[in-house]
Amino acid sequence: MSLLDDIKQRRIARGFKQKDMQQRIGVSRQQYQQIESKGNPRLDTLELIAKGLNSELMLIPDEKKRQVLAILNEDNDAVSEIQSLIDDPWQGLLGDTEIGDDE
């Protein structure tokens, strides 16, 4: 996955549309669209985009990449677990059986 794909994925995950980025980073929707689709943005533009997406650009050594990804995935798992509890605060309190189970 390319950096531009990561940027688009992060924007979507944050619930932003391309037009929202105009206000967040100060570029027009058309400029932002071009950056996401086939752009070759300058470093300062990438830093603005990262800041607008509540993120940070980092260089991660290849030998540490797997560890960093594992940590990020753990955070995603924790968020999923928390969201699951928010959606169903009674989850697990009465056992793991559902209505109609005849174990």
C-alpha atoms as a PDB file:
ATOM      1  CA  MET A   1       0.000   0.000   0.000  1.00  0.00           C
ATOM      2  CA  SER A   2       1.345   3.422  -0.900  1.00  0.00           C
ATOM      3  CA  LEU A   3       1.512   6.470   1.339  1.00  0.00           C
ATOM      4  CA  LEU A   4      -1.261   8.091  -0.704  1.00  0.00           C
ATOM      5  CA  ASP A   5      -3.455   5.026  -0.127  1.00  0.00           C
ATOM      6  CA  ASP A   6      -2.720   5.265   3.594  1.00  0.00           C
ATOM      7  CA  ILE A   7      -3.711   8.943   3.586  1.00  0.00           C
ATOM      8  CA  LYS A   8      -6.995   8.196   1.837  1.00  0.00           C
ATOM      9  CA  GLN A   9      -7.726   5.294   4.181  1.00  0.00           C
ATOM     10  CA  ARG A  10      -7.014   7.475   7.232  1.00  0.00           C
ATOM     11  CA  ARG A  11      -9.237  10.280   5.888  1.00  0.00           C
ATOM     12  CA  ILE A  12     -12.116   7.865   5.353  1.00  0.00           C
ATOM     13  CA  ALA A  13     -11.587   6.246   8.769  1.00  0.00           C
ATOM     14  CA  ARG A  14     -11.797   9.685  10.392  1.00  0.00           C
ATOM     15  CA  GLY A  15     -15.079  10.305   8.548  1.00  0.00           C
ATOM     16  CA  PHE A  16     -13.751  13.192   6.459  1.00  0.00           C
ATOM     17  CA  LYS A  17     -14.666  13.907   2.865  1.00  0.00           C
ATOM     18  CA  GLN A  18     -12.168  15.414   0.447  1.00  0.00           C
ATOM     19  CA  LYS A  19     -13.968  18.760   0.701  1.00  0.00           C
ATOM     20  CA  ASP A  20     -13.466  18.690   4.506  1.00  0.00           C
ATOM     21  CA  MET A  21      -9.719  18.766   3.957  1.00  0.00           C
ATOM     22  CA  GLN A  22      -9.971  22.278   2.501  1.00  0.00           C
ATOM     23  CA  GLN A  23     -10.817  23.683   5.914  1.00  0.00           C
ATOM     24  CA  ARG A  24      -8.493  21.333   7.787  1.00  0.00           C
ATOM     25  CA  ILE A  25      -5.319  21.969   5.759  1.00  0.00           C
ATOM     26  CA  GLY A  26      -6.031  24.972   3.536  1.00  0.00           C
ATOM     27  CA  VAL A  27      -6.053  23.433   0.061  1.00  0.00           C
ATOM     28  CA  SER A  28      -8.973  23.248  -2.341  1.00  0.00           C
ATOM     29  CA  ARG A  29     -10.927  20.032  -2.798  1.00  0.00           C
ATOM     30  CA  GLN A  30      -9.547  19.758  -6.331  1.00  0.00           C
ATOM     31  CA  GLN A  31      -5.964  20.107  -5.110  1.00  0.00           C
ATOM     32  CA  TYR A  32      -6.534  17.545  -2.401  1.00  0.00           C
ATOM     33  CA  GLN A  33      -8.246  15.172  -4.828  1.00  0.00           C
ATOM     34  CA  GLN A  34      -5.242  15.392  -7.134  1.00  0.00           C
ATOM     35  CA  ILE A  35      -2.859  14.659  -4.261  1.00  0.00           C
ATOM     36  CA  GLU A  36      -4.811  11.549  -3.244  1.00  0.00           C
ATOM     37  CA  SER A  37      -5.255  10.231  -6.761  1.00  0.00           C
ATOM     38  CA  LYS A  38      -1.900  10.715  -8.435  1.00  0.00           C
ATOM     39  CA  GLY A  39      -0.085  13.477  -6.675  1.00  0.00           C
ATOM     40  CA  ASN A  40       3.512  13.824  -5.705  1.00  0.00           C
ATOM     41  CA  PRO A  41       3.109  16.146  -2.722  1.00  0.00           C
ATOM     42  CA  ARG A  42       5.965  18.043  -1.157  1.00  0.00           C
ATOM     43  CA  LEU A  43       7.062  17.163   2.348  1.00  0.00           C
ATOM     44  CA  ASP A  44       5.468  20.267   3.861  1.00  0.00           C
ATOM     45  CA  THR A  45       2.158  19.346   2.183  1.00  0.00           C
ATOM     46  CA  LEU A  46       2.387  15.816   3.590  1.00  0.00           C
ATOM     47  CA  GLU A  47       2.997  17.269   7.045  1.00  0.00           C
ATOM     48  CA  LEU A  48      -0.095  19.492   6.691  1.00  0.00           C
ATOM     49  CA  ILE A  49      -2.191  16.527   5.578  1.00  0.00           C
ATOM     50  CA  ALA A  50      -0.950  14.410   8.482  1.00  0.00           C
ATOM     51  CA  LYS A  51      -1.761  17.185  10.944  1.00  0.00           C
ATOM     52  CA  GLY A  52      -5.211  17.618   9.360  1.00  0.00           C
ATOM     53  CA  LEU A  53      -5.828  13.897   9.868  1.00  0.00           C
ATOM     54  CA  ASN A  54      -4.638  14.010  13.505  1.00  0.00           C
ATOM     55  CA  SER A  55      -1.607  11.947  12.520  1.00  0.00           C
ATOM     56  CA  GLU A  56       2.136  12.290  12.287  1.00  0.00           C
ATOM     57  CA  LEU A  57       4.639  11.379   9.602  1.00  0.00           C
ATOM     58  CA  MET A  58       7.376   9.052  10.826  1.00  0.00           C
ATOM     59  CA  LEU A  59      10.251   7.092   9.395  1.00  0.00           C
ATOM     60  CA  ILE A  60      10.110   3.589  10.818  1.00  0.00           C
ATOM     61  CA  PRO A  61      13.170   1.367  10.382  1.00  0.00           C
ATOM     62  CA  ASP A  62      12.385  -1.795   8.425  1.00  0.00           C
ATOM     63  CA  GLU A  63      13.470  -3.992  11.325  1.00  0.00           C
ATOM     64  CA  LYS A  64      10.903  -2.274  13.615  1.00  0.00           C
ATOM     65  CA  LYS A  65       8.018  -2.106  11.140  1.00  0.00           C
ATOM     66  CA  ARG A  66       6.479  -5.448  12.147  1.00  0.00           C
ATOM     67  CA  GLN A  67       6.533  -4.472  15.830  1.00  0.00           C
ATOM     68  CA  VAL A  68       4.934  -1.099  15.137  1.00  0.00           C
ATOM     69  CA  LEU A  69       2.202  -2.710  13.036  1.00  0.00           C
ATOM     70  CA  ALA A  70       1.528  -5.231  15.809  1.00  0.00           C
ATOM     71  CA  ILE A  71       1.133  -2.416  18.337  1.00  0.00           C
ATOM     72  CA  LEU A  72      -1.207  -0.526  16.019  1.00  0.00           C
ATOM     73  CA  ASN A  73      -3.286  -3.658  15.462  1.00  0.00           C
ATOM     74  CA  GLU A  74      -3.494  -4.212  19.231  1.00  0.00           C
ATOM     75  CA  ASP A  75      -4.866  -0.686  19.573  1.00  0.00           C
ATOM     76  CA  ASN A  76      -7.450  -1.440  16.877  1.00  0.00           C
ATOM     77  CA  ASP A  77      -8.440  -4.644  18.702  1.00  0.00           C
ATOM     78  CA  ALA A  78      -8.819  -2.692  21.950  1.00  0.00           C
ATOM     79  CA  VAL A  79     -10.961  -0.078  20.209  1.00  0.00           C
ATOM     80  CA  SER A  80     -13.122  -2.831  18.697  1.00  0.00           C
ATOM     81  CA  GLU A  81     -13.544  -4.439  22.114  1.00  0.00           C
ATOM     82  CA  ILE A  82     -14.493  -1.116  23.714  1.00  0.00           C
ATOM     83  CA  GLN A  83     -16.956  -0.354  20.916  1.00  0.00           C
ATOM     84  CA  SER A  84     -18.470  -3.808  21.354  1.00  0.00           C
ATOM     85  CA  LEU A  85     -18.997  -3.120  25.063  1.00  0.00           C
ATOM     86  CA  ILE A  86     -20.513   0.275  24.297  1.00  0.00           C
ATOM     87  CA  ASP A  87     -22.914  -1.343  21.840  1.00  0.00           C
ATOM     88  CA  ASP A  88     -23.854  -4.108  24.323  1.00  0.00           C
ATOM     89  CA  PRO A  89     -22.904  -3.233  27.920  1.00  0.00           C
ATOM     90  CA  TRP A  90     -24.481  -6.505  29.158  1.00  0.00           C
ATOM     91  CA  GLN A  91     -22.163  -8.566  26.970  1.00  0.00           C
ATOM     92  CA  GLY A  92     -20.735 -11.540  28.840  1.00  0.00           C
ATOM     93  CA  LEU A  93     -22.512 -10.805  32.130  1.00  0.00           C
ATOM     94  CA  LEU A  94     -25.085 -13.565  31.774  1.00  0.00           C
ATOM     95  CA  GLY A  95     -22.845 -16.103  30.076  1.00  0.00           C
ATOM     96  CA  ASP A  96     -22.038 -16.694  26.451  1.00  0.00           C
ATOM     97  CA  THR A  97     -25.292 -18.408  25.496  1.00  0.00           C
ATOM     98  CA  GLU A  98     -27.934 -16.706  23.452  1.00  0.00           C
ATOM     99  CA  ILE A  99     -31.681 -17.066  23.732  1.00  0.00           C
ATOM    100  CA  GLY A 100     -32.717 -20.366  22.217  1.00  0.00           C
ATOM    101  CA  ASP A 101     -29.410 -22.191  22.829  1.00  0.00           C
ATOM    102  CA  ASP A 102     -30.072 -25.677  24.218  1.00  0.00           C
ATOM    103  CA  GLU A 103     -26.572 -26.720  25.255  1.00  0.00           C
END
